[in-house]
C-alpha atoms as a PDB file:
ATOM      1  CA  MET A   1       0.000   0.000   0.000  1.00  0.00           C
ATOM      2  CA  ALA A   2       1.211   3.476  -0.808  1.00  0.00           C
ATOM      3  CA  THR A   3       2.391   5.669   2.014  1.00  0.00           C
ATOM      4  CA  GLY A   4       2.173   9.453   1.754  1.00  0.00           C
ATOM      5  CA  VAL A   5       5.482  11.134   2.520  1.00  0.00           C
ATOM      6  CA  SER A   6       7.084  14.484   1.966  1.00  0.00           C
ATOM      7  CA  VAL A   7       9.846  15.001  -0.552  1.00  0.00           C
ATOM      8  CA  GLU A   8      11.804  16.794   2.141  1.00  0.00           C
ATOM      9  CA  ASN A   9      11.973  13.814   4.499  1.00  0.00           C
ATOM     10  CA  ILE A  10      13.108  11.014   2.223  1.00  0.00           C
ATOM     11  CA  ASN A  11      16.559  10.121   1.046  1.00  0.00           C
ATOM     12  CA  PRO A  12      17.310   9.993  -1.803  1.00  0.00           C
ATOM     13  CA  LYS A  13      15.146  12.769  -3.172  1.00  0.00           C
ATOM     14  CA  VAL A  14      12.367  12.026  -5.612  1.00  0.00           C
ATOM     15  CA  ILE A  15      12.254  13.791  -8.953  1.00  0.00           C
ATOM     16  CA  LEU A  16       8.757  14.845 -10.010  1.00  0.00           C
ATOM     17  CA  GLY A  17       7.655  14.882 -13.641  1.00  0.00           C
ATOM     18  CA  PRO A  18       6.040  17.988 -15.187  1.00  0.00           C
ATOM     19  CA  SER A  19       2.966  16.313 -16.721  1.00  0.00           C
ATOM     20  CA  SER A  20      -0.566  16.655 -15.344  1.00  0.00           C
ATOM     21  CA  ILE A  21      -0.625  13.040 -14.164  1.00  0.00           C
ATOM     22  CA  ALA A  22       3.095  12.757 -13.785  1.00  0.00           C
ATOM     23  CA  GLU A  23       5.292   9.956 -12.670  1.00  0.00           C
ATOM     24  CA  CYS A  24       8.253  10.694 -10.490  1.00  0.00           C
ATOM     25  CA  ILE A  25      11.274   8.511 -10.125  1.00  0.00           C
ATOM     26  CA  VAL A  26      13.443   7.740  -7.130  1.00  0.00           C
ATOM     27  CA  ILE A  27      16.928   7.780  -8.593  1.00  0.00           C
ATOM     28  CA  ARG A  28      18.348   5.188  -6.185  1.00  0.00           C
ATOM     29  CA  GLY A  29      18.163   4.107  -2.579  1.00  0.00           C
ATOM     30  CA  GLU A  30      16.420   1.798  -0.161  1.00  0.00           C
ATOM     31  CA  VAL A  31      13.188   3.736   0.267  1.00  0.00           C
ATOM     32  CA  ALA A  32      11.760   2.788  -3.132  1.00  0.00           C
ATOM     33  CA  ILE A  33      12.679   2.580  -6.760  1.00  0.00           C
ATOM     34  CA  HIS A  34       9.384   3.819  -8.156  1.00  0.00           C
ATOM     35  CA  ALA A  35       7.085   6.608  -7.089  1.00  0.00           C
ATOM     36  CA  GLN A  36       3.972   8.260  -8.414  1.00  0.00           C
ATOM     37  CA  VAL A  37       2.659  11.778  -7.954  1.00  0.00           C
ATOM     38  CA  SER A  38      -0.659  11.857  -6.104  1.00  0.00           C
ATOM     39  CA  TRP A  39      -1.723  14.916  -8.076  1.00  0.00           C
ATOM     40  CA  PHE A  40      -0.022  17.852  -9.687  1.00  0.00           C
ATOM     41  CA  SER A  41      -0.463  21.539  -9.009  1.00  0.00           C
ATOM     42  CA  PRO A  42       2.026  24.382  -8.499  1.00  0.00           C
ATOM     43  CA  SER A  43       1.274  24.515  -4.781  1.00  0.00           C
ATOM     44  CA  MET A  44       1.926  20.793  -4.353  1.00  0.00           C
ATOM     45  CA  PHE A  45       4.860  20.627  -6.752  1.00  0.00           C
ATOM     46  CA  TRP A  46       7.428  19.677  -4.135  1.00  0.00           C
ATOM     47  CA  LYS A  47       5.108  18.267  -1.490  1.00  0.00           C
ATOM     48  CA  SER A  48       2.715  15.423  -2.133  1.00  0.00           C
ATOM     49  CA  ILE A  49       3.824  12.056  -3.505  1.00  0.00           C
ATOM     50  CA  SER A  50       3.073   8.414  -2.909  1.00  0.00           C
ATOM     51  CA  ILE A  51       5.934   5.985  -2.411  1.00  0.00           C
ATOM     52  CA  TYR A  52       5.572   2.327  -3.337  1.00  0.00           C
ATOM     53  CA  SER A  53       7.898  -0.222  -1.777  1.00  0.00           C
ATOM     54  CA  PHE A  54      10.402  -1.994  -3.973  1.00  0.00           C
ATOM     55  CA  SER A  55       8.896  -2.355  -7.414  1.00  0.00           C
ATOM     56  CA  ALA A  56       9.998  -5.042  -9.852  1.00  0.00           C
ATOM     57  CA  ASN A  57       8.668  -2.977 -12.734  1.00  0.00           C
ATOM     58  CA  ALA A  58      11.585  -0.568 -13.151  1.00  0.00           C
ATOM     59  CA  ARG A  59      11.546   0.730 -16.704  1.00  0.00           C
ATOM     60  CA  ARG A  60      14.032   2.229 -19.139  1.00  0.00           C
ATOM     61  CA  GLU A  61      11.986   5.381 -19.722  1.00  0.00           C
ATOM     62  CA  ILE A  62      13.169   6.737 -16.374  1.00  0.00           C
ATOM     63  CA  ASN A  63      15.723   8.757 -18.334  1.00  0.00           C
ATOM     64  CA  ARG A  64      12.994  10.276 -20.486  1.00  0.00           C
ATOM     65  CA  TYR A  65      11.012  11.456 -17.469  1.00  0.00           C
ATOM     66  CA  LEU A  66      14.084  12.870 -15.796  1.00  0.00           C
ATOM     67  CA  THR A  67      15.256  14.624 -18.947  1.00  0.00           C
ATOM     68  CA  PHE A  68      11.850  16.222 -19.554  1.00  0.00           C
ATOM     69  CA  PHE A  69      11.722  17.394 -15.977  1.00  0.00           C
ATOM     70  CA  PHE A  70      15.259  18.792 -16.032  1.00  0.00           C
ATOM     71  CA  GLN A  71      14.472  20.665 -19.242  1.00  0.00           C
ATOM     72  CA  HIS A  72      11.342  22.051 -17.616  1.00  0.00           C
ATOM     73  CA  LEU A  73      13.409  23.333 -14.690  1.00  0.00           C
ATOM     74  CA  GLN A  74      16.083  24.697 -17.041  1.00  0.00           C
ATOM     75  CA  GLN A  75      13.469  26.729 -18.880  1.00  0.00           C
ATOM     76  CA  GLN A  76      12.070  27.973 -15.586  1.00  0.00           C
ATOM     77  CA  LEU A  77      15.533  29.117 -14.486  1.00  0.00           C
ATOM     78  CA  GLN A  78      15.909  31.047 -17.734  1.00  0.00           C
ATOM     79  CA  THR A  79      12.487  32.684 -17.700  1.00  0.00           C
ATOM     80  CA  GLN A  80      12.105  33.120 -13.930  1.00  0.00           C
ATOM     81  CA  PRO A  81      15.554  33.623 -12.370  1.00  0.00           C
ATOM     82  CA  GLY A  82      15.535  33.079  -8.620  1.00  0.00           C
ATOM     83  CA  SER A  83      12.305  31.053  -8.629  1.00  0.00           C
ATOM     84  CA  LEU A  84      14.103  27.868  -7.590  1.00  0.00           C
ATOM     85  CA  PRO A  85      16.503  27.212  -4.694  1.00  0.00           C
ATOM     86  CA  PHE A  86      19.350  26.610  -7.196  1.00  0.00           C
ATOM     87  CA  ASP A  87      20.623  28.313 -10.332  1.00  0.00           C
ATOM     88  CA  GLU A  88      22.132  25.473 -12.357  1.00  0.00           C
ATOM     89  CA  ILE A  89      21.062  22.048 -13.649  1.00  0.00           C
ATOM     90  CA  VAL A  90      23.668  19.285 -13.665  1.00  0.00           C
ATOM     91  CA  TYR A  91      22.492  16.381 -15.849  1.00  0.00           C
ATOM     92  CA  CYS A  92      23.540  13.215 -14.001  1.00  0.00           C
ATOM     93  CA  ASN A  93      20.665  10.981 -15.081  1.00  0.00           C
ATOM     94  CA  ILE A  94      22.597   9.273 -17.886  1.00  0.00           C
ATOM     95  CA  GLY A  95      26.184   8.343 -18.597  1.00  0.00           C
ATOM     96  CA  ASN A  96      27.137  11.511 -20.453  1.00  0.00           C
ATOM     97  CA  PRO A  97      30.377  12.735 -18.863  1.00  0.00           C
ATOM     98  CA  GLN A  98      31.195  15.216 -21.612  1.00  0.00           C
ATOM     99  CA  SER A  99      28.078  17.200 -20.730  1.00  0.00           C
ATOM    100  CA  LEU A 100      29.696  17.659 -17.315  1.00  0.00           C
ATOM    101  CA  GLY A 101      32.915  18.989 -18.792  1.00  0.00           C
ATOM    102  CA  GLN A 102      34.985  15.850 -19.323  1.00  0.00           C
ATOM    103  CA  LYS A 103      37.425  16.290 -22.183  1.00  0.00           C
ATOM    104  CA  PRO A 104      36.566  14.077 -25.191  1.00  0.00           C
ATOM    105  CA  ILE A 105      38.945  11.208 -25.926  1.00  0.00           C
ATOM    106  CA  THR A 106      41.304  12.730 -28.478  1.00  0.00           C
ATOM    107  CA  PHE A 107      42.026   9.494 -30.353  1.00  0.00           C
ATOM    108  CA  PHE A 108      38.398   8.943 -31.369  1.00  0.00           C
ATOM    109  CA  ARG A 109      37.999  12.538 -32.528  1.00  0.00           C
ATOM    110  CA  GLU A 110      41.188  12.389 -34.581  1.00  0.00           C
ATOM    111  CA  VAL A 111      40.244   9.115 -36.290  1.00  0.00           C
ATOM    112  CA  LEU A 112      36.774  10.427 -37.136  1.00  0.00           C
ATOM    113  CA  ALA A 113      38.191  13.670 -38.497  1.00  0.00           C
ATOM    114  CA  LEU A 114      40.618  11.822 -40.763  1.00  0.00           C
ATOM    115  CA  CYS A 115      37.985   9.346 -41.963  1.00  0.00           C
ATOM    116  CA  ASN A 116      35.571  12.157 -42.773  1.00  0.00           C
ATOM    117  CA  HIS A 117      38.271  14.182 -44.560  1.00  0.00           C
ATOM    118  CA  PRO A 118      40.605  11.533 -46.029  1.00  0.00           C
ATOM    119  CA  ASN A 119      42.455  14.053 -48.204  1.00  0.00           C
ATOM    120  CA  LEU A 120      44.205  15.170 -45.027  1.00  0.00           C
ATOM    121  CA  LEU A 121      46.064  11.861 -45.000  1.00  0.00           C
ATOM    122  CA  GLU A 122      47.897  12.898 -48.166  1.00  0.00           C
ATOM    123  CA  ARG A 123      49.419  15.978 -46.559  1.00  0.00           C
ATOM    124  CA  GLU A 124      52.836  15.834 -44.964  1.00  0.00           C
ATOM    125  CA  GLU A 125      51.972  18.307 -42.204  1.00  0.00           C
ATOM    126  CA  ILE A 126      49.296  15.947 -40.903  1.00  0.00           C
ATOM    127  CA  LYS A 127      51.967  14.120 -38.892  1.00  0.00           C
ATOM    128  CA  SER A 128      52.442  17.165 -36.684  1.00  0.00           C
ATOM    129  CA  LEU A 129      48.704  17.606 -36.077  1.00  0.00           C
ATOM    130  CA  PHE A 130      47.492  14.033 -35.522  1.00  0.00           C
ATOM    131  CA  SER A 131      48.978  11.121 -33.600  1.00  0.00           C
ATOM    132  CA  THR A 132      50.589   8.313 -35.581  1.00  0.00           C
ATOM    133  CA  ASP A 133      48.140   5.842 -34.019  1.00  0.00           C
ATOM    134  CA  ALA A 134      45.148   7.865 -35.215  1.00  0.00           C
ATOM    135  CA  ILE A 135      46.592   8.164 -38.719  1.00  0.00           C
ATOM    136  CA  ALA A 136      47.216   4.419 -38.915  1.00  0.00           C
ATOM    137  CA  ARG A 137      43.744   3.570 -37.606  1.00  0.00           C
ATOM    138  CA  ALA A 138      42.027   5.965 -40.021  1.00  0.00           C
ATOM    139  CA  LYS A 139      43.879   4.434 -42.975  1.00  0.00           C
ATOM    140  CA  LYS A 140      42.881   0.950 -41.833  1.00  0.00           C
ATOM    141  CA  ILE A 141      39.213   1.886 -41.457  1.00  0.00           C
ATOM    142  CA  LEU A 142      39.116   3.665 -44.820  1.00  0.00           C
ATOM    143  CA  SER A 143      40.598   0.588 -46.493  1.00  0.00           C
ATOM    144  CA  MET A 144      37.506  -1.348 -45.373  1.00  0.00           C
ATOM    145  CA  ILE A 145      35.024   1.169 -46.783  1.00  0.00           C
ATOM    146  CA  PRO A 146      34.028   0.937 -50.467  1.00  0.00           C
ATOM    147  CA  GLY A 147      35.229   4.125 -52.132  1.00  0.00           C
ATOM    148  CA  ARG A 148      37.498   4.844 -49.149  1.00  0.00           C
ATOM    149  CA  ALA A 149      35.166   7.573 -47.904  1.00  0.00           C
ATOM    150  CA  THR A 150      32.389   7.996 -45.353  1.00  0.00           C
ATOM    151  CA  GLY A 151      28.898   9.273 -46.092  1.00  0.00           C
ATOM    152  CA  ALA A 152      27.712   6.711 -48.633  1.00  0.00           C
ATOM    153  CA  TYR A 153      25.148   3.991 -48.030  1.00  0.00           C
ATOM    154  CA  SER A 154      26.608   0.835 -46.532  1.00  0.00           C
ATOM    155  CA  HIS A 155      25.380  -2.645 -45.663  1.00  0.00           C
ATOM    156  CA  SER A 156      22.302  -2.455 -43.440  1.00  0.00           C
ATOM    157  CA  GLN A 157      24.205  -4.215 -40.645  1.00  0.00           C
ATOM    158  CA  GLY A 158      27.204  -1.939 -40.992  1.00  0.00           C
ATOM    159  CA  ILE A 159      30.438  -2.099 -42.966  1.00  0.00           C
ATOM    160  CA  LYS A 160      31.546  -5.733 -43.220  1.00  0.00           C
ATOM    161  CA  GLY A 161      35.210  -5.043 -42.493  1.00  0.00           C
ATOM    162  CA  LEU A 162      34.344  -3.201 -39.300  1.00  0.00           C
ATOM    163  CA  ARG A 163      32.050  -6.013 -38.200  1.00  0.00           C
ATOM    164  CA  ASP A 164      34.869  -8.482 -38.832  1.00  0.00           C
ATOM    165  CA  GLU A 165      37.144  -6.398 -36.600  1.00  0.00           C
ATOM    166  CA  ILE A 166      34.495  -6.244 -33.870  1.00  0.00           C
ATOM    167  CA  ALA A 167      33.882 -10.000 -34.047  1.00  0.00           C
ATOM    168  CA  ALA A 168      37.611 -10.642 -33.705  1.00  0.00           C
ATOM    169  CA  GLY A 169      37.753  -8.262 -30.740  1.00  0.00           C
ATOM    170  CA  ILE A 170      34.863 -10.009 -29.001  1.00  0.00           C
ATOM    171  CA  ALA A 171      36.469 -13.408 -29.570  1.00  0.00           C
ATOM    172  CA  SER A 172      39.795 -12.170 -28.211  1.00  0.00           C
ATOM    173  CA  ARG A 173      38.200 -10.558 -25.172  1.00  0.00           C
ATOM    174  CA  ASP A 174      35.708 -13.277 -24.248  1.00  0.00           C
ATOM    175  CA  GLY A 175      37.468 -16.390 -25.532  1.00  0.00           C
ATOM    176  CA  PHE A 176      34.357 -17.322 -27.491  1.00  0.00           C
ATOM    177  CA  PRO A 177      33.953 -17.163 -31.293  1.00  0.00           C
ATOM    178  CA  ALA A 178      31.841 -14.319 -32.680  1.00  0.00           C
ATOM    179  CA  ASN A 179      30.297 -14.077 -36.136  1.00  0.00           C
ATOM    180  CA  ALA A 180      30.341 -10.761 -37.990  1.00  0.00           C
ATOM    181  CA  ASP A 181      27.021 -11.690 -39.621  1.00  0.00           C
ATOM    182  CA  ASP A 182      25.392 -11.649 -36.175  1.00  0.00           C
ATOM    183  CA  ILE A 183      26.580  -8.098 -35.462  1.00  0.00           C
ATOM    184  CA  PHE A 184      24.551  -4.982 -36.232  1.00  0.00           C
ATOM    185  CA  LEU A 185      26.207  -1.553 -36.027  1.00  0.00           C
ATOM    186  CA  THR A 186      23.854   1.265 -35.005  1.00  0.00           C
ATOM    187  CA  ASN A 187      24.037   4.951 -34.124  1.00  0.00           C
ATOM    188  CA  GLY A 188      23.578   4.317 -30.411  1.00  0.00           C
ATOM    189  CA  ALA A 189      21.233   2.202 -28.309  1.00  0.00           C
ATOM    190  CA  SER A 190      17.889   3.744 -29.290  1.00  0.00           C
ATOM    191  CA  PRO A 191      18.238   3.214 -33.080  1.00  0.00           C
ATOM    192  CA  GLY A 192      19.218  -0.371 -32.310  1.00  0.00           C
ATOM    193  CA  VAL A 193      16.195  -1.012 -30.108  1.00  0.00           C
ATOM    194  CA  CYS A 194      13.682   0.532 -32.541  1.00  0.00           C
ATOM    195  CA  PRO A 195      13.939  -2.110 -35.325  1.00  0.00           C
ATOM    196  CA  THR A 196      13.705  -4.839 -32.702  1.00  0.00           C
ATOM    197  CA  LEU A 197      10.399  -3.385 -31.523  1.00  0.00           C
ATOM    198  CA  VAL A 198       8.798  -2.868 -34.943  1.00  0.00           C
ATOM    199  CA  ILE A 199       9.932  -6.003 -36.791  1.00  0.00           C
ATOM    200  CA  SER A 200       7.114  -8.526 -36.523  1.00  0.00           C
ATOM    201  CA  GLU A 201       4.417 -10.236 -38.548  1.00  0.00           C
ATOM    202  CA  GLU A 202       1.967  -7.562 -37.442  1.00  0.00           C
ATOM    203  CA  THR A 203       3.974  -4.665 -38.882  1.00  0.00           C
ATOM    204  CA  GLY A 204       4.885  -6.428 -42.108  1.00  0.00           C
ATOM    205  CA  MET A 205       8.592  -5.749 -41.591  1.00  0.00           C
END
């Protein structure tokens, strides 16, 4: 049974969503892992919630609720300075360290830059601007791409040579053979999940 508590007297704090029948999420802790707003109004914004004891129905969309709520607060800080007891939003709801100021890994940026502008590899001065490792890796990747350039359509699972490299890496790391034909390269987790959800006899895909 739900127990009414105040946001101020629980630890960790509960984040409330901005919708009219909003869900709020306990980020972590022993009190609960799921919470629901009893009702929403400006006067009750930080006050009334219902906490449910340990729920087995934790869901991935927690990040979506948190992000929407953070954006709502960010807009409020911009349009109504001083209306909240803080003046800055620090996005810690997902693993995104660069949004918190972490310097990007130089090697990845250099390899991407060289792959996207392969003509740079023909210039002598490139050796003073990019690391030798990045230059070598970019040349290797480009050798696997038809036309030796990025931007064109590729195999729907991703470039075969890259999938071969990934399969070899998995086999080396895990000590278990991996097949490149079983690997799908995507632009992050969400684009990878989407086809899995829509491919079925009902959708015709």
